[in-house]
C-alpha cells in the first residue's frame, strides 16, 4: 500500500522575519488574524488525506509546540498525527540541523518505523493552497522517483530562486540555483507550448517551490552523503543520474519569509478578491479552536478589513487592516494598513486597575490613537492619542525605543508597551 509521510521544514532562526521571530519559531508566527503560518502547509496535507505529519524545527519551538498540541488532535481510528521533531543530541549526531536535507537525514530514525512508501517535503513559511493529492497522483503516473513542484515566475523574480528547465513531457532537464539578475538564462525558459497554457504577464520561467515528493528508496539513498540542502545539492545530484518530474502549479504562491512579504500577504487578504482565499469550505485552513465570542463592533467604520473573533471595537475607523483575536480598540482610534495580531488573553478588571496604578496602558489600542502602515505583534499595549506611522517619511531600518523598522515597515514587538501620546 502507498503511505505518504509528510515533513514540514520549519526553517532556521527566521532572521528575515525578526522581530516577529524573537520569541517564537517562524512557523508559529501569527497570520491572517487567527492562524499561524504553519497551519497553511499542515492544512494542505490534511486536505489531501496525508495526515501523518512531522514538523522539523530547532529554534524557539515552545510556542509552536503549544499551538500544535492544542490544535491537531486526531481520533484513534484515523491514525493521524502532527508531531514536532526539534533538533536533538544522539549518540550518532550532536549538532544543529545544517540544512533542509540534513534535518531530514538526522530524523530518518524516526521516519523509518512508519514504513512510508513516499516522503512529501513541504516548506513551513509559504502561502499557497495546493491539491497535494493531485501532485502525488502525477508523481506516481510519471514513474519518476522524485517530483518537484514549481511555479511560473518572471525573469526578475527568477534571480533569487531555483530555476528549472523542463521538456514537453514535464521532465526536468536542468536546474540553476539563484542565477542572479545578470546571467543569461534564456535557455531555461518554458517550452512555447507550455507557456501558452500558463498565465500571462511575462512569467516564462519555472521556480522550485521547495515542495518535493520522493519515493522512499530514492529519499534514503540520496541522503547517504554529506550534502545538507535539497535545493542546492540533493536535487542537482539526483538530476544528474535519473529522470525528475516537474509538477507545474498554476495557483497563487508566496514566500512569506520576510517582513515585507509577510505584511503584503496579510494585507492582500483584505482585498475584495484576495489572491489567497480562506473561504473555501471544501478545503479549510485549520487552526486552534478558541471558543471565543463573536466580535463586537460599536459604531465603527470598517473598509476592506478583517476582524477575528473575540474583538471589541468601539467608534473606530479601520481601513485595509487585519484585527487579530481578542483585540480591544477604544473610541476614536484609526487603523490604516495595519496588521494587528491581537492578544493571548483578556485582562480582568483587577488587571486593568493595576495598569492604571502603574501608569501602564491596557492591552490593545487606546482612545484616539492613529496607526498607519504597521505590524502590531501580540499583547501590545498602545496608549491613548499615539501617532504611529502617519508622517509619511522614509524610515530607516533599525531598532528604536518602542519599535523596529524592517523593510521600511513599522513593527511593534510582542508585549510592547507604548506610553500615551507617543509619536514615531
Protein backbone atom coordinates (compact mmCIF):
# COMPACT_ATOMS: atom_id res chain seq x y z
CA UNK A 1 0.00 0.00 0.00
CA UNK A 2 1.09 3.57 -0.67
CA UNK A 3 1.78 5.51 2.51
CA UNK A 4 2.85 9.15 2.35
CA UNK A 5 4.77 10.63 5.26
CA UNK A 6 4.63 14.44 5.29
CA UNK A 7 7.56 16.51 6.54
CA UNK A 8 7.18 20.25 7.18
CA UNK A 9 10.51 22.09 7.20
CA UNK A 10 10.30 24.69 9.95
CA UNK A 11 13.32 26.68 8.78
CA UNK A 12 16.19 28.15 10.73
CA UNK A 13 16.40 31.17 13.02
CA UNK A 14 13.95 33.14 10.90
CA UNK A 15 16.20 36.21 10.89
CA UNK A 16 14.37 37.74 7.91
CA UNK A 17 11.15 37.76 9.97
CA UNK A 18 12.76 39.25 13.07
CA UNK A 19 11.43 40.67 15.44
CA UNK A 20 8.33 38.51 14.87
CA UNK A 21 10.64 35.51 15.43
CA UNK A 22 12.30 36.94 18.53
CA UNK A 23 10.32 34.69 20.88
CA UNK A 24 8.88 32.09 18.51
CA UNK A 25 9.87 29.93 15.56
CA UNK A 26 8.98 31.03 12.03
CA UNK A 27 6.12 28.52 11.58
CA UNK A 28 4.50 29.78 14.79
CA UNK A 29 4.22 33.42 13.65
CA UNK A 30 0.52 34.51 13.68
CA UNK A 31 -1.05 35.12 10.28
CA UNK A 32 -4.36 36.36 8.95
CA UNK A 33 -5.80 37.43 12.30
CA UNK A 34 -6.34 33.96 13.80
CA UNK A 35 -3.96 31.46 12.18
CA UNK A 36 -0.30 30.54 12.42
CA UNK A 37 1.90 30.23 9.32
CA UNK A 38 2.34 26.50 9.96
CA UNK A 39 -1.43 25.98 9.61
CA UNK A 40 -1.12 26.51 5.84
CA UNK A 41 1.15 23.54 4.96
CA UNK A 42 -0.46 21.30 7.58
CA UNK A 43 -3.94 22.02 6.21
CA UNK A 44 -2.77 21.33 2.65
CA UNK A 45 -1.50 17.93 3.80
CA UNK A 46 -4.67 17.07 5.75
CA UNK A 47 -6.96 18.12 2.90
CA UNK A 48 -5.02 15.76 0.61
CA UNK A 49 -5.51 12.87 3.03
CA UNK A 50 -1.88 12.91 4.19
CA UNK A 51 -2.42 13.08 7.93
CA UNK A 52 0.84 11.63 9.25
CA UNK A 53 2.89 14.78 9.59
CA UNK A 54 6.20 15.73 11.18
CA UNK A 55 7.43 19.30 11.70
CA UNK A 56 11.20 19.81 11.88
CA UNK A 57 12.38 22.83 13.85
CA UNK A 58 15.17 23.82 16.21
CA UNK A 59 14.69 27.46 17.31
CA UNK A 60 12.20 28.89 19.83
CA UNK A 61 9.88 25.91 19.45
CA UNK A 62 7.88 26.25 22.72
CA UNK A 63 5.12 28.41 21.14
CA UNK A 64 4.92 26.05 18.18
CA UNK A 65 4.65 23.01 20.46
CA UNK A 66 1.78 24.62 22.35
CA UNK A 67 -0.11 25.51 19.17
CA UNK A 68 0.32 22.05 17.64
CA UNK A 69 -0.73 20.23 20.82
CA UNK A 70 -3.86 22.39 21.17
CA UNK A 71 -4.88 22.22 17.52
CA UNK A 72 -4.10 18.92 15.81
CA UNK A 73 -5.69 16.10 17.77
CA UNK A 74 -6.86 13.18 15.62
CA UNK A 75 -9.20 10.40 16.69
CA UNK A 76 -7.79 6.97 17.44
CA UNK A 77 -9.24 5.46 14.24
CA UNK A 78 -7.56 7.76 11.73
CA UNK A 79 -4.00 7.06 12.93
CA UNK A 80 -3.24 10.65 12.06
CA UNK A 81 -0.82 12.86 13.96
CA UNK A 82 1.16 16.07 13.78
CA UNK A 83 4.42 15.78 15.70
CA UNK A 84 7.29 18.22 16.21
CA UNK A 85 10.84 16.93 15.92
CA UNK A 86 13.21 19.51 17.34
CA UNK A 87 16.96 19.13 16.84
CA UNK A 88 18.28 16.68 19.40
CA UNK A 89 21.56 15.18 20.51
CA UNK A 90 22.03 11.45 19.98
CA UNK A 91 24.93 9.01 20.03
CA UNK A 92 25.14 9.38 16.24
CA UNK A 93 24.99 13.19 15.92
CA UNK A 94 25.11 16.09 18.35
CA UNK A 95 24.89 19.23 16.18
CA UNK A 96 22.17 21.51 14.89
CA UNK A 97 20.39 20.92 11.61
CA UNK A 98 22.82 22.14 8.95
CA UNK A 99 20.23 22.48 6.19
CA UNK A 100 16.96 21.09 4.85
CA UNK A 101 18.41 17.74 3.77
CA UNK A 102 20.48 17.38 6.93
CA UNK A 103 17.34 17.93 9.04
CA UNK A 104 15.58 15.06 7.26
CA UNK A 105 18.67 12.83 7.43
CA UNK A 106 19.01 13.28 11.19
CA UNK A 107 15.40 12.19 11.68
CA UNK A 108 15.30 9.13 9.43
CA UNK A 109 15.45 7.01 12.56
CA UNK A 110 12.01 8.40 13.46
CA UNK A 111 10.60 8.07 9.94
CA UNK A 112 11.66 4.52 9.06
CA UNK A 113 9.46 2.78 11.69
CA UNK A 114 6.41 4.27 9.92
CA UNK A 115 7.31 2.29 6.76
CA UNK A 116 6.40 5.05 4.29
CA UNK A 117 6.31 4.35 0.57
CA UNK A 118 6.79 8.06 -0.18
CA UNK A 119 8.01 11.22 1.52
CA UNK A 120 6.33 14.58 0.97
CA UNK A 121 8.56 17.56 1.81
CA UNK A 122 6.89 20.97 2.22
CA UNK A 123 8.07 24.35 3.46
CA UNK A 124 6.70 25.88 6.65
CA UNK A 125 6.76 29.52 5.53
CA UNK A 126 4.87 29.66 2.25
CA UNK A 127 1.33 30.77 1.43
CA UNK A 128 -0.46 28.61 -1.12
CA UNK A 129 -3.35 26.23 -1.47
CA UNK A 130 -2.28 23.16 -3.42
CA UNK A 131 -4.02 19.87 -4.16
CA UNK A 132 -1.17 17.72 -2.92
CA UNK A 133 -3.17 14.59 -3.75
CA UNK A 134 -3.13 15.63 -7.42
CA UNK A 135 0.61 16.20 -7.23
CA UNK A 136 1.02 12.73 -5.74
CA UNK A 137 -1.09 11.12 -8.49
CA UNK A 138 1.03 12.79 -11.14
CA UNK A 139 4.18 11.67 -9.35
CA UNK A 140 3.09 8.03 -9.37
CA UNK A 141 1.98 8.20 -13.02
CA UNK A 142 5.30 9.75 -14.08
CA UNK A 143 7.29 6.73 -12.94
CA UNK A 144 10.00 9.05 -11.57
CA UNK A 145 11.47 8.71 -8.12
CA UNK A 146 11.22 12.44 -7.47
CA UNK A 147 8.69 15.15 -8.32
CA UNK A 148 9.46 18.83 -7.76
CA UNK A 149 6.62 21.35 -7.53
CA UNK A 150 7.29 24.55 -9.44
CA UNK A 151 5.53 27.81 -10.21
CA UNK A 152 5.84 30.34 -13.00
CA UNK A 153 7.87 33.46 -12.25
CA UNK A 154 9.22 36.49 -14.11
CA UNK A 155 12.88 36.96 -15.02
CA UNK A 156 13.26 39.44 -12.18
CA UNK A 157 11.88 37.02 -9.58
CA UNK A 158 13.98 34.18 -11.03
CA UNK A 159 17.17 35.88 -9.81
CA UNK A 160 16.74 34.70 -6.22
CA UNK A 161 15.06 31.32 -6.80
CA UNK A 162 15.99 27.85 -8.00
CA UNK A 163 15.06 27.80 -11.71
CA UNK A 164 14.25 24.63 -13.65
CA UNK A 165 14.08 23.91 -17.36
CA UNK A 166 11.60 21.23 -18.43
CA UNK A 167 10.77 19.48 -21.70
CA UNK A 168 7.37 18.89 -23.30
CA UNK A 169 6.75 15.84 -21.11
CA UNK A 170 7.46 17.88 -17.95
CA UNK A 171 10.76 16.20 -17.20
CA UNK A 172 13.34 18.45 -15.58
CA UNK A 173 16.32 18.79 -17.91
CA UNK A 174 18.40 21.34 -15.98
CA UNK A 175 18.41 23.27 -12.72
CA UNK A 176 20.10 26.52 -11.70
CA UNK A 177 20.12 27.85 -8.15
CA UNK A 178 19.67 31.65 -7.81
CA UNK A 179 21.10 32.75 -11.18
CA UNK A 180 21.17 36.45 -10.28
CA UNK A 181 19.96 39.35 -12.42
CA UNK A 182 22.79 39.45 -14.99
CA UNK A 183 23.20 35.85 -16.10
CA UNK A 184 21.65 34.80 -19.41
CA UNK A 185 19.09 32.12 -18.55
CA UNK A 186 17.07 32.24 -21.76
CA UNK A 187 17.71 28.52 -22.26
CA UNK A 188 15.73 27.86 -19.06
CA UNK A 189 12.56 29.45 -20.41
CA UNK A 190 9.50 27.17 -20.54
CA UNK A 191 8.70 25.44 -23.84
CA UNK A 192 6.48 27.63 -26.02
CA UNK A 193 3.54 25.21 -25.94
CA UNK A 194 3.58 25.21 -22.14
CA UNK A 195 3.87 29.00 -21.93
CA UNK A 196 0.59 29.33 -23.82
CA UNK A 197 -1.08 27.12 -21.22
CA UNK A 198 0.13 29.19 -18.27
CA UNK A 199 -0.95 32.60 -17.10
CA UNK A 200 0.42 35.60 -18.99
CA UNK A 201 2.42 38.51 -17.66
CA UNK A 202 5.95 37.55 -18.64
CA UNK A 203 6.19 34.67 -16.19
CA UNK A 204 8.12 32.41 -18.54
CA UNK A 205 10.38 30.66 -16.04
CA UNK A 206 9.72 27.86 -13.57
CA UNK A 207 10.93 28.20 -9.99
CA UNK A 208 11.14 25.38 -7.49
CA UNK A 209 8.64 25.85 -4.66
CA UNK A 210 10.66 23.73 -2.24
CA UNK A 211 7.92 21.09 -2.30
CA UNK A 212 9.03 17.56 -3.20
CA UNK A 213 7.66 14.03 -3.34
CA UNK A 214 10.27 11.28 -3.06
CA UNK A 215 9.95 7.56 -3.43
CA UNK A 216 11.15 6.07 -0.16
CA UNK A 217 14.18 4.32 -1.64
CA UNK A 218 15.38 7.39 -3.51
CA UNK A 219 14.96 9.63 -0.48
CA UNK A 220 17.09 7.44 1.73
CA UNK A 221 19.76 6.71 -0.87
CA UNK A 222 20.06 10.41 -1.79
CA UNK A 223 20.86 11.25 1.84
CA UNK A 224 23.75 8.79 2.12
CA UNK A 225 26.30 11.60 1.85
CA UNK A 226 27.28 14.89 3.47
CA UNK A 227 25.03 17.15 1.38
CA UNK A 228 22.99 19.48 3.56
CA UNK A 229 20.47 21.19 1.28
CA UNK A 230 17.80 19.82 -1.07
CA UNK A 231 17.74 22.73 -3.50
CA UNK A 232 21.47 23.37 -3.77
CA UNK A 233 22.83 19.82 -3.57
CA UNK A 234 20.42 16.88 -3.36
CA UNK A 235 18.14 17.78 -6.31
CA UNK A 236 21.03 18.57 -8.72
CA UNK A 237 22.76 15.31 -7.71
CA UNK A 238 19.61 13.28 -8.44
CA UNK A 239 19.01 15.14 -11.69
CA UNK A 240 22.47 14.14 -12.94
CA UNK A 241 21.62 10.45 -12.53
CA UNK A 242 17.92 9.94 -13.27
CA UNK A 243 14.67 11.45 -14.51
CA UNK A 244 12.93 14.04 -12.32
CA UNK A 245 9.28 15.00 -12.81
CA UNK A 246 8.01 18.59 -12.58
CA UNK A 247 4.58 19.41 -11.18
CA UNK A 248 3.61 22.83 -12.56
CA UNK A 249 1.40 24.58 -10.02
CA UNK A 250 -0.97 27.14 -11.59
CA UNK A 251 -2.19 28.87 -8.44
CA UNK A 252 -1.09 31.62 -6.10
CA UNK A 253 2.15 31.04 -4.20
CA UNK A 254 4.04 33.44 -1.99
CA UNK A 255 7.15 33.00 0.12
CA UNK A 256 6.33 34.89 3.33
CA UNK A 257 9.79 34.63 4.82
CA UNK A 258 10.45 38.40 5.02
CA UNK A 259 8.73 41.21 6.89
CA UNK A 260 7.75 42.92 3.64
CA UNK A 261 6.26 39.79 2.04
CA UNK A 262 4.55 38.88 5.33
CA UNK A 263 2.98 42.35 5.61
CA UNK A 264 1.85 42.46 1.98
CA UNK A 265 0.44 38.91 2.05
CA UNK A 266 -1.61 39.77 5.15
CA UNK A 267 -3.00 42.98 3.70
CA UNK A 268 -3.88 41.23 0.44
CA UNK A 269 -6.32 39.11 2.46
CA UNK A 270 -8.41 42.26 2.95
CA UNK A 271 -8.83 42.83 -0.79
CA UNK A 272 -12.23 42.31 -2.39
CA UNK A 273 -10.76 39.46 -4.42
CA UNK A 274 -7.71 38.26 -2.46
CA UNK A 275 -5.10 36.10 -4.13
CA UNK A 276 -5.26 33.60 -1.25
CA UNK A 277 -8.80 32.59 -0.34
CA UNK A 278 -9.58 31.38 3.18
CA UNK A 279 -13.25 30.93 2.25
CA UNK A 280 -13.08 27.51 0.58
CA UNK A 281 -15.42 25.26 2.53
CA UNK A 282 -14.18 22.03 0.95
CA UNK A 283 -10.55 22.80 1.71
CA UNK A 284 -10.47 24.66 5.03
CA UNK A 285 -7.38 26.03 6.75
CA UNK A 286 -7.37 24.53 10.24
CA UNK A 287 -6.23 26.29 13.38
CA UNK A 288 -6.72 26.33 17.14
CA UNK A 289 -10.39 26.42 18.25
CA UNK A 290 -10.52 29.12 20.89
CA UNK A 291 -14.28 29.15 21.63
CA UNK A 292 -14.28 32.94 21.67
CA UNK A 293 -17.40 35.08 21.37
CA UNK A 294 -18.26 36.92 18.18
CA UNK A 295 -16.54 40.27 17.71
CA UNK A 296 -18.46 43.31 18.99
CA UNK A 297 -18.41 46.40 16.77
CA UNK A 298 -19.82 49.57 18.29
CA UNK A 299 -20.38 52.47 15.84
CA UNK A 300 -17.40 51.50 13.67
CA UNK A 301 -16.38 52.29 10.12
CA UNK A 302 -14.64 49.30 8.51
CA UNK A 303 -13.48 49.18 4.90
CA UNK A 304 -11.68 46.16 3.43
CA UNK A 305 -10.90 44.89 6.91
CA UNK A 306 -10.90 41.53 8.68
CA UNK A 307 -11.78 41.14 12.34
CA UNK A 308 -11.11 37.82 14.01
CA UNK A 309 -13.29 36.50 16.81
CA UNK A 310 -13.34 37.93 20.32
CA UNK A 311 -12.64 41.58 19.42
CA UNK A 312 -14.29 44.63 20.97
CA UNK A 313 -14.03 47.68 18.71
CA UNK A 314 -15.70 50.94 19.69
CA UNK A 315 -16.26 54.01 17.49
CA UNK A 316 -13.11 53.29 15.43
CA UNK A 317 -12.17 53.71 11.78
CA UNK A 318 -10.42 50.69 10.27
CA UNK A 319 -9.29 50.51 6.65
CA UNK A 320 -7.32 47.84 4.78
CA UNK A 321 -6.31 46.22 8.04
CA UNK A 322 -6.44 42.93 9.93
CA UNK A 323 -7.65 42.91 13.55
CA UNK A 324 -6.48 39.77 15.34
CA UNK A 325 -8.17 37.71 18.05
CA UNK A 326 -9.20 39.45 21.30
CA UNK A 327 -8.14 42.90 20.07
CA UNK A 328 -9.56 45.78 22.11
CA UNK A 329 -9.75 49.09 20.20
CA UNK A 330 -11.01 52.14 22.08
CA UNK A 331 -13.11 55.04 20.82
CA UNK A 332 -11.68 57.40 18.23
CA UNK A 333 -8.86 55.10 17.16
CA UNK A 334 -7.92 54.79 13.49
CA UNK A 335 -6.05 51.98 11.68
CA UNK A 336 -4.94 52.12 8.06
CA UNK A 337 -2.77 49.38 6.54
CA UNK A 338 -2.23 47.68 9.91
CA UNK A 339 -1.68 44.00 10.68
CA UNK A 340 -2.72 43.54 14.30
CA UNK A 341 -2.12 40.08 15.73
CA UNK A 342 -4.36 40.52 18.78
CA UNK A 343 -3.89 39.12 22.26
CA UNK A 344 -3.46 35.78 24.01
CA UNK A 345 -5.84 36.69 26.84
CA UNK A 346 -8.33 39.26 28.14
CA UNK A 347 -7.30 41.44 31.03
CA UNK A 348 -9.57 41.27 34.09
CA UNK A 349 -10.96 44.41 35.79
CA UNK A 350 -8.38 43.91 38.53
CA UNK A 351 -5.54 43.80 35.99
CA UNK A 352 -6.83 46.94 34.31
CA UNK A 353 -6.94 48.73 37.66
CA UNK A 354 -3.36 47.63 38.32
CA UNK A 355 -2.37 49.02 34.92
CA UNK A 356 -3.78 52.43 35.86
CA UNK A 357 -1.93 52.44 39.18
CA UNK A 358 1.32 51.68 37.31
CA UNK A 359 0.54 54.20 34.51
CA UNK A 360 0.67 51.36 32.02
CA UNK A 361 -1.74 51.10 29.05
CA UNK A 362 -4.18 48.23 28.81
CA UNK A 363 -3.59 45.55 26.19
CA UNK A 364 -4.99 46.85 22.92
CA UNK A 365 -5.16 50.22 21.18
CA UNK A 366 -6.02 53.26 23.24
CA UNK A 367 -8.52 56.07 22.71
CA UNK A 368 -7.77 58.44 19.83
CA UNK A 369 -4.65 56.59 18.66
CA UNK A 370 -3.87 56.69 14.92
CA UNK A 371 -1.72 53.98 13.33
CA UNK A 372 -0.73 53.62 9.70
CA UNK A 373 1.44 51.05 7.88
CA UNK A 374 2.46 48.83 10.81
CA UNK A 375 2.57 45.30 12.18
CA UNK A 376 1.47 45.02 15.81
CA UNK A 377 2.52 41.79 17.49
CA UNK A 378 0.53 40.06 20.22
CA UNK A 379 -0.28 41.54 23.62
CA UNK A 380 0.96 45.01 22.65
CA UNK A 381 -0.15 47.91 24.85
CA UNK A 382 -0.60 51.13 22.90
CA UNK A 383 -1.70 54.12 24.96
CA UNK A 384 -4.13 56.93 24.20
CA UNK A 385 -3.56 59.55 21.50
CA UNK A 386 -0.45 57.94 20.00
CA UNK A 387 0.57 58.84 16.44
CA UNK A 388 2.32 55.96 14.69
CA UNK A 389 3.43 55.95 11.06
CA UNK A 390 1.31 58.89 9.94
CA UNK A 391 4.07 61.33 8.88
CA UNK A 392 4.74 59.54 5.54
CA UNK A 393 8.53 59.94 5.82
CA UNK A 394 11.03 57.35 4.61
CA UNK A 395 12.02 55.25 7.58
CA UNK A 396 15.47 53.90 8.29
CA UNK A 397 15.58 50.23 9.24
CA UNK A 398 16.70 49.58 12.79
CA UNK A 399 15.70 49.09 16.43
CA UNK A 400 14.14 52.01 18.28
CA UNK A 401 12.85 52.62 21.80
CA UNK A 402 9.36 51.20 21.30
CA UNK A 403 9.51 49.60 17.86
CA UNK A 404 11.52 48.26 14.96
CA UNK A 405 11.60 49.31 11.32
CA UNK A 406 12.19 46.48 8.85
CA UNK A 407 11.92 46.93 5.07
CA UNK A 408 10.51 50.38 5.85
CA UNK A 409 7.63 48.84 7.83
CA UNK A 410 7.00 49.66 11.48
CA UNK A 411 6.93 46.56 13.70
CA UNK A 412 5.69 46.84 17.28
CA UNK A 413 7.03 43.73 19.07
CA UNK A 414 5.19 41.28 21.25
CA UNK A 415 4.34 42.55 24.76
CA UNK A 416 5.44 46.09 23.87
CA UNK A 417 4.14 48.95 26.00
CA UNK A 418 3.86 52.36 24.34
CA UNK A 419 3.04 55.32 26.62
CA UNK A 420 0.13 57.66 25.82
CA UNK A 421 0.92 60.46 23.39
CA UNK A 422 3.91 58.71 21.82
CA UNK A 423 4.65 59.59 18.19
CA UNK A 424 7.05 57.91 15.74
